[in-house]
Every structure is written in C-alpha cells, then in structure tokens.
Amino acid sequence: MNKENTFKVIDKEGKEIEFEVLFTFESNETNKNYMVYTDNSKDEKGNIRVFASVFNPSDEPLELLPVETEREWKIIETILDSVQEQNKKNKEETK
C-alpha cells in the first residue's frame, strides 16, 4: 500500500486504478483476513461500488485473493451492514 488507506492496481487494459480501504477484519469463523475497499465509482443506482477480498496482512507486496464461498460473502455482508449502521448512528449523533 502506498498511503495508509489506499492502494493501486493495474487493470487488464493497463490502466492504474486507486482503491480506498474502507476497513479490514479477521473472521474467527473462517480464520481469514478480509479487506473491504472501493474505487469510489458508482453503480447504475448511484451507490458507491464496494469490493471485498481475502488477504494476508504480513504479505509484501499485498496480494488480494478472491472470496471463495457463499458463507464468506454472508460474513462480509453482515460486517458491512453493521459498519454502515454504526456510521449512520454516528452521523445522526453529530447533528
């Protein structure tokens, strides 16, 4: 990673894309580390696209691996929902 919360990837066309790390977590259920990140692009509904990958925090350089199972996706979705809910509460409290 170049900056504390960003990393760059070269896509298939050779274009450099910068991603922002939203959060990372380790699942006790799968014994894997996950990274949730975005390139801040939006989907057709106007929602910011979010991606998730498996990673090993001690790897240099950083290697992102695919999420392999439906169970893993469910864990990620649950954590993401929880983070979004907490962010929503925090914004309401600061008003």
N, C-alpha and C. Protein backbone atom coordinates (compact mmCIF):
# COMPACT_ATOMS: atom_id res chain seq x y z
N MET A 1 0.83 -1.17 0.00
CA MET A 1 0.00 0.00 0.00
C MET A 1 0.89 1.24 0.00
N ASN A 2 0.51 2.21 -0.79
CA ASN A 2 1.29 3.43 -0.89
C ASN A 2 1.00 4.36 0.29
N LYS A 3 -0.22 4.78 0.41
CA LYS A 3 -0.64 5.62 1.52
C LYS A 3 -1.26 4.69 2.55
N GLU A 4 -1.59 5.24 3.68
CA GLU A 4 -2.10 4.39 4.75
C GLU A 4 -3.36 3.63 4.35
N ASN A 5 -4.29 4.28 3.65
CA ASN A 5 -5.57 3.64 3.35
C ASN A 5 -5.86 3.52 1.86
N THR A 6 -4.85 3.51 1.03
CA THR A 6 -5.07 3.36 -0.41
C THR A 6 -4.06 2.39 -1.00
N PHE A 7 -4.44 1.83 -2.14
CA PHE A 7 -3.52 1.02 -2.92
C PHE A 7 -3.90 1.14 -4.39
N LYS A 8 -2.96 0.83 -5.26
CA LYS A 8 -3.20 0.94 -6.69
C LYS A 8 -3.09 -0.42 -7.35
N VAL A 9 -3.92 -0.59 -8.39
CA VAL A 9 -3.96 -1.83 -9.16
C VAL A 9 -3.90 -1.46 -10.64
N ILE A 10 -3.21 -2.27 -11.42
CA ILE A 10 -3.21 -2.09 -12.87
C ILE A 10 -4.22 -3.07 -13.44
N ASP A 11 -5.25 -2.55 -14.16
CA ASP A 11 -6.28 -3.43 -14.71
C ASP A 11 -5.81 -4.10 -16.00
N LYS A 12 -6.68 -4.88 -16.61
CA LYS A 12 -6.33 -5.65 -17.82
C LYS A 12 -5.94 -4.77 -19.00
N GLU A 13 -6.44 -3.53 -19.03
CA GLU A 13 -6.11 -2.60 -20.11
C GLU A 13 -4.87 -1.77 -19.80
N GLY A 14 -4.22 -2.03 -18.65
CA GLY A 14 -3.03 -1.30 -18.27
C GLY A 14 -3.32 0.02 -17.56
N LYS A 15 -4.58 0.27 -17.23
CA LYS A 15 -4.98 1.50 -16.54
C LYS A 15 -4.78 1.33 -15.04
N GLU A 16 -4.20 2.35 -14.41
CA GLU A 16 -3.97 2.33 -12.97
C GLU A 16 -5.24 2.80 -12.26
N ILE A 17 -5.69 2.02 -11.28
CA ILE A 17 -6.89 2.36 -10.52
C ILE A 17 -6.49 2.43 -9.05
N GLU A 18 -6.88 3.52 -8.40
CA GLU A 18 -6.61 3.67 -6.97
C GLU A 18 -7.83 3.25 -6.18
N PHE A 19 -7.61 2.44 -5.16
CA PHE A 19 -8.68 1.97 -4.28
C PHE A 19 -8.45 2.52 -2.88
N GLU A 20 -9.54 2.78 -2.20
CA GLU A 20 -9.51 3.22 -0.81
C GLU A 20 -9.96 2.06 0.07
N VAL A 21 -9.17 1.74 1.07
CA VAL A 21 -9.53 0.68 2.02
C VAL A 21 -10.55 1.25 2.98
N LEU A 22 -11.73 0.62 3.05
CA LEU A 22 -12.76 1.07 3.97
C LEU A 22 -12.54 0.48 5.35
N PHE A 23 -12.27 -0.81 5.40
CA PHE A 23 -11.92 -1.48 6.65
C PHE A 23 -11.41 -2.87 6.36
N THR A 24 -10.74 -3.44 7.35
CA THR A 24 -10.28 -4.83 7.29
C THR A 24 -10.77 -5.52 8.56
N PHE A 25 -10.89 -6.82 8.48
CA PHE A 25 -11.27 -7.59 9.67
C PHE A 25 -10.82 -9.03 9.51
N GLU A 26 -10.68 -9.68 10.65
CA GLU A 26 -10.36 -11.10 10.68
C GLU A 26 -11.59 -11.84 11.16
N SER A 27 -11.95 -12.90 10.46
CA SER A 27 -13.09 -13.71 10.85
C SER A 27 -12.62 -14.91 11.66
N ASN A 28 -13.15 -15.03 12.87
CA ASN A 28 -12.85 -16.20 13.69
C ASN A 28 -13.46 -17.46 13.09
N GLU A 29 -14.55 -17.26 12.35
CA GLU A 29 -15.25 -18.40 11.75
C GLU A 29 -14.44 -19.05 10.62
N THR A 30 -13.79 -18.21 9.79
CA THR A 30 -13.04 -18.75 8.65
C THR A 30 -11.53 -18.72 8.85
N ASN A 31 -11.08 -18.02 9.90
CA ASN A 31 -9.64 -17.82 10.15
C ASN A 31 -8.94 -17.15 8.98
N LYS A 32 -9.66 -16.21 8.33
CA LYS A 32 -9.09 -15.44 7.23
C LYS A 32 -9.25 -13.96 7.52
N ASN A 33 -8.38 -13.17 6.86
CA ASN A 33 -8.47 -11.72 6.92
C ASN A 33 -9.14 -11.22 5.65
N TYR A 34 -10.00 -10.22 5.81
CA TYR A 34 -10.73 -9.66 4.68
C TYR A 34 -10.49 -8.16 4.60
N MET A 35 -10.48 -7.67 3.38
CA MET A 35 -10.37 -6.24 3.13
C MET A 35 -11.59 -5.82 2.33
N VAL A 36 -12.24 -4.74 2.77
CA VAL A 36 -13.37 -4.17 2.05
C VAL A 36 -12.88 -2.81 1.54
N TYR A 37 -13.04 -2.57 0.23
CA TYR A 37 -12.44 -1.40 -0.39
C TYR A 37 -13.31 -0.89 -1.54
N THR A 38 -13.00 0.32 -2.01
CA THR A 38 -13.77 0.93 -3.08
C THR A 38 -12.86 1.74 -3.99
N ASP A 39 -13.31 1.90 -5.24
CA ASP A 39 -12.64 2.83 -6.15
C ASP A 39 -13.47 4.11 -6.26
N ASN A 40 -14.51 4.21 -5.43
CA ASN A 40 -15.43 5.36 -5.36
C ASN A 40 -16.23 5.56 -6.64
N SER A 41 -16.30 4.54 -7.50
CA SER A 41 -17.18 4.62 -8.66
C SER A 41 -18.60 4.26 -8.21
N LYS A 42 -19.57 4.60 -9.03
CA LYS A 42 -20.96 4.34 -8.66
C LYS A 42 -21.61 3.36 -9.64
N ASP A 43 -22.56 2.58 -9.10
CA ASP A 43 -23.31 1.65 -9.93
C ASP A 43 -24.47 2.39 -10.60
N GLU A 44 -25.30 1.65 -11.32
CA GLU A 44 -26.42 2.25 -12.06
C GLU A 44 -27.46 2.90 -11.16
N LYS A 45 -27.47 2.53 -9.88
CA LYS A 45 -28.43 3.11 -8.92
C LYS A 45 -27.82 4.28 -8.15
N GLY A 46 -26.56 4.59 -8.43
CA GLY A 46 -25.90 5.70 -7.74
C GLY A 46 -25.22 5.32 -6.45
N ASN A 47 -25.17 4.02 -6.15
CA ASN A 47 -24.48 3.55 -4.95
C ASN A 47 -22.99 3.38 -5.22
N ILE A 48 -22.18 3.69 -4.23
CA ILE A 48 -20.73 3.51 -4.39
C ILE A 48 -20.41 2.01 -4.41
N ARG A 49 -19.61 1.61 -5.39
CA ARG A 49 -19.23 0.20 -5.51
C ARG A 49 -18.23 -0.15 -4.41
N VAL A 50 -18.47 -1.30 -3.80
CA VAL A 50 -17.61 -1.80 -2.73
C VAL A 50 -17.18 -3.21 -3.12
N PHE A 51 -15.92 -3.51 -2.87
CA PHE A 51 -15.34 -4.81 -3.20
C PHE A 51 -14.79 -5.44 -1.93
N ALA A 52 -14.60 -6.74 -1.96
CA ALA A 52 -14.01 -7.44 -0.82
C ALA A 52 -13.07 -8.52 -1.33
N SER A 53 -11.99 -8.71 -0.60
CA SER A 53 -11.01 -9.74 -0.93
C SER A 53 -10.43 -10.32 0.35
N VAL A 54 -9.87 -11.49 0.20
CA VAL A 54 -9.10 -12.13 1.26
C VAL A 54 -7.67 -11.62 1.12
N PHE A 55 -6.99 -11.40 2.24
CA PHE A 55 -5.59 -11.00 2.17
C PHE A 55 -4.84 -11.50 3.40
N ASN A 56 -3.53 -11.54 3.27
CA ASN A 56 -2.66 -11.89 4.39
C ASN A 56 -1.95 -10.61 4.79
N PRO A 57 -2.21 -10.09 6.00
CA PRO A 57 -1.62 -8.81 6.38
C PRO A 57 -0.09 -8.79 6.42
N SER A 58 0.54 -9.94 6.48
CA SER A 58 2.00 -9.96 6.51
C SER A 58 2.63 -10.07 5.12
N ASP A 59 1.81 -10.22 4.07
CA ASP A 59 2.34 -10.31 2.70
C ASP A 59 2.86 -8.96 2.21
N GLU A 60 4.05 -8.97 1.67
CA GLU A 60 4.61 -7.81 0.97
C GLU A 60 5.19 -8.32 -0.32
N PRO A 61 4.72 -7.89 -1.47
CA PRO A 61 3.64 -6.93 -1.65
C PRO A 61 2.27 -7.55 -1.33
N LEU A 62 1.32 -6.67 -1.13
CA LEU A 62 -0.04 -7.08 -0.82
C LEU A 62 -0.63 -7.91 -1.96
N GLU A 63 -1.21 -9.04 -1.62
CA GLU A 63 -1.87 -9.88 -2.63
C GLU A 63 -3.32 -10.06 -2.21
N LEU A 64 -4.23 -9.65 -3.11
CA LEU A 64 -5.66 -9.82 -2.85
C LEU A 64 -6.13 -11.10 -3.51
N LEU A 65 -6.85 -11.90 -2.74
CA LEU A 65 -7.35 -13.18 -3.22
C LEU A 65 -8.88 -13.14 -3.24
N PRO A 66 -9.50 -13.94 -4.10
CA PRO A 66 -10.96 -13.91 -4.18
C PRO A 66 -11.64 -14.51 -2.95
N VAL A 67 -12.81 -13.98 -2.66
CA VAL A 67 -13.68 -14.57 -1.65
C VAL A 67 -14.28 -15.80 -2.31
N GLU A 68 -14.17 -16.95 -1.69
CA GLU A 68 -14.47 -18.21 -2.38
C GLU A 68 -15.84 -18.81 -2.10
N THR A 69 -16.42 -18.53 -0.96
CA THR A 69 -17.65 -19.24 -0.62
C THR A 69 -18.80 -18.28 -0.31
N GLU A 70 -19.99 -18.80 -0.42
CA GLU A 70 -21.18 -18.04 -0.07
C GLU A 70 -21.18 -17.69 1.41
N ARG A 71 -20.67 -18.59 2.21
CA ARG A 71 -20.57 -18.34 3.66
C ARG A 71 -19.68 -17.13 3.95
N GLU A 72 -18.54 -17.04 3.25
CA GLU A 72 -17.65 -15.90 3.42
C GLU A 72 -18.35 -14.60 3.03
N TRP A 73 -19.08 -14.63 1.90
CA TRP A 73 -19.81 -13.42 1.47
C TRP A 73 -20.83 -13.00 2.50
N LYS A 74 -21.51 -13.96 3.11
CA LYS A 74 -22.51 -13.65 4.13
C LYS A 74 -21.85 -12.97 5.34
N ILE A 75 -20.68 -13.46 5.74
CA ILE A 75 -19.94 -12.85 6.84
C ILE A 75 -19.58 -11.41 6.48
N ILE A 76 -19.07 -11.20 5.28
CA ILE A 76 -18.68 -9.86 4.83
C ILE A 76 -19.89 -8.94 4.79
N GLU A 77 -21.00 -9.42 4.25
CA GLU A 77 -22.22 -8.61 4.18
C GLU A 77 -22.72 -8.22 5.57
N THR A 78 -22.64 -9.15 6.51
CA THR A 78 -23.07 -8.87 7.88
C THR A 78 -22.20 -7.78 8.51
N ILE A 79 -20.89 -7.89 8.34
CA ILE A 79 -19.96 -6.88 8.87
C ILE A 79 -20.21 -5.54 8.19
N LEU A 80 -20.37 -5.54 6.87
CA LEU A 80 -20.61 -4.30 6.13
C LEU A 80 -21.90 -3.63 6.59
N ASP A 81 -22.96 -4.41 6.77
CA ASP A 81 -24.22 -3.86 7.26
C ASP A 81 -24.03 -3.23 8.64
N SER A 82 -23.28 -3.90 9.49
CA SER A 82 -23.02 -3.41 10.84
C SER A 82 -22.24 -2.09 10.80
N VAL A 83 -21.23 -2.02 9.96
CA VAL A 83 -20.43 -0.80 9.83
C VAL A 83 -21.28 0.34 9.29
N GLN A 84 -22.11 0.06 8.28
CA GLN A 84 -22.99 1.09 7.72
C GLN A 84 -23.97 1.60 8.77
N GLU A 85 -24.52 0.70 9.56
CA GLU A 85 -25.47 1.09 10.61
C GLU A 85 -24.78 1.96 11.66
N GLN A 86 -23.56 1.58 12.04
CA GLN A 86 -22.82 2.37 13.03
C GLN A 86 -22.50 3.76 12.47
N ASN A 87 -22.10 3.84 11.20
CA ASN A 87 -21.82 5.13 10.58
C ASN A 87 -23.06 6.01 10.54
N LYS A 88 -24.19 5.40 10.26
CA LYS A 88 -25.47 6.11 10.22
C LYS A 88 -25.79 6.69 11.61
N LYS A 89 -25.60 5.88 12.65
CA LYS A 89 -25.85 6.34 14.03
C LYS A 89 -24.91 7.47 14.40
N ASN A 90 -23.63 7.34 14.01
CA ASN A 90 -22.65 8.37 14.32
C ASN A 90 -23.02 9.70 13.65
N LYS A 91 -23.49 9.66 12.42
CA LYS A 91 -23.89 10.88 11.72
C LYS A 91 -25.09 11.52 12.39
N GLU A 92 -26.04 10.72 12.83
CA GLU A 92 -27.23 11.24 13.49
C GLU A 92 -26.87 11.88 14.83
N GLU A 93 -25.91 11.30 15.54
CA GLU A 93 -25.50 11.84 16.84
C GLU A 93 -24.77 13.16 16.71
N THR A 94 -24.10 13.39 15.59
CA THR A 94 -23.33 14.63 15.42
C THR A 94 -24.18 15.78 14.89
N LYS A 95 -25.44 15.51 14.59
CA LYS A 95 -26.32 16.57 14.08
C LYS A 95 -26.79 17.47 15.19
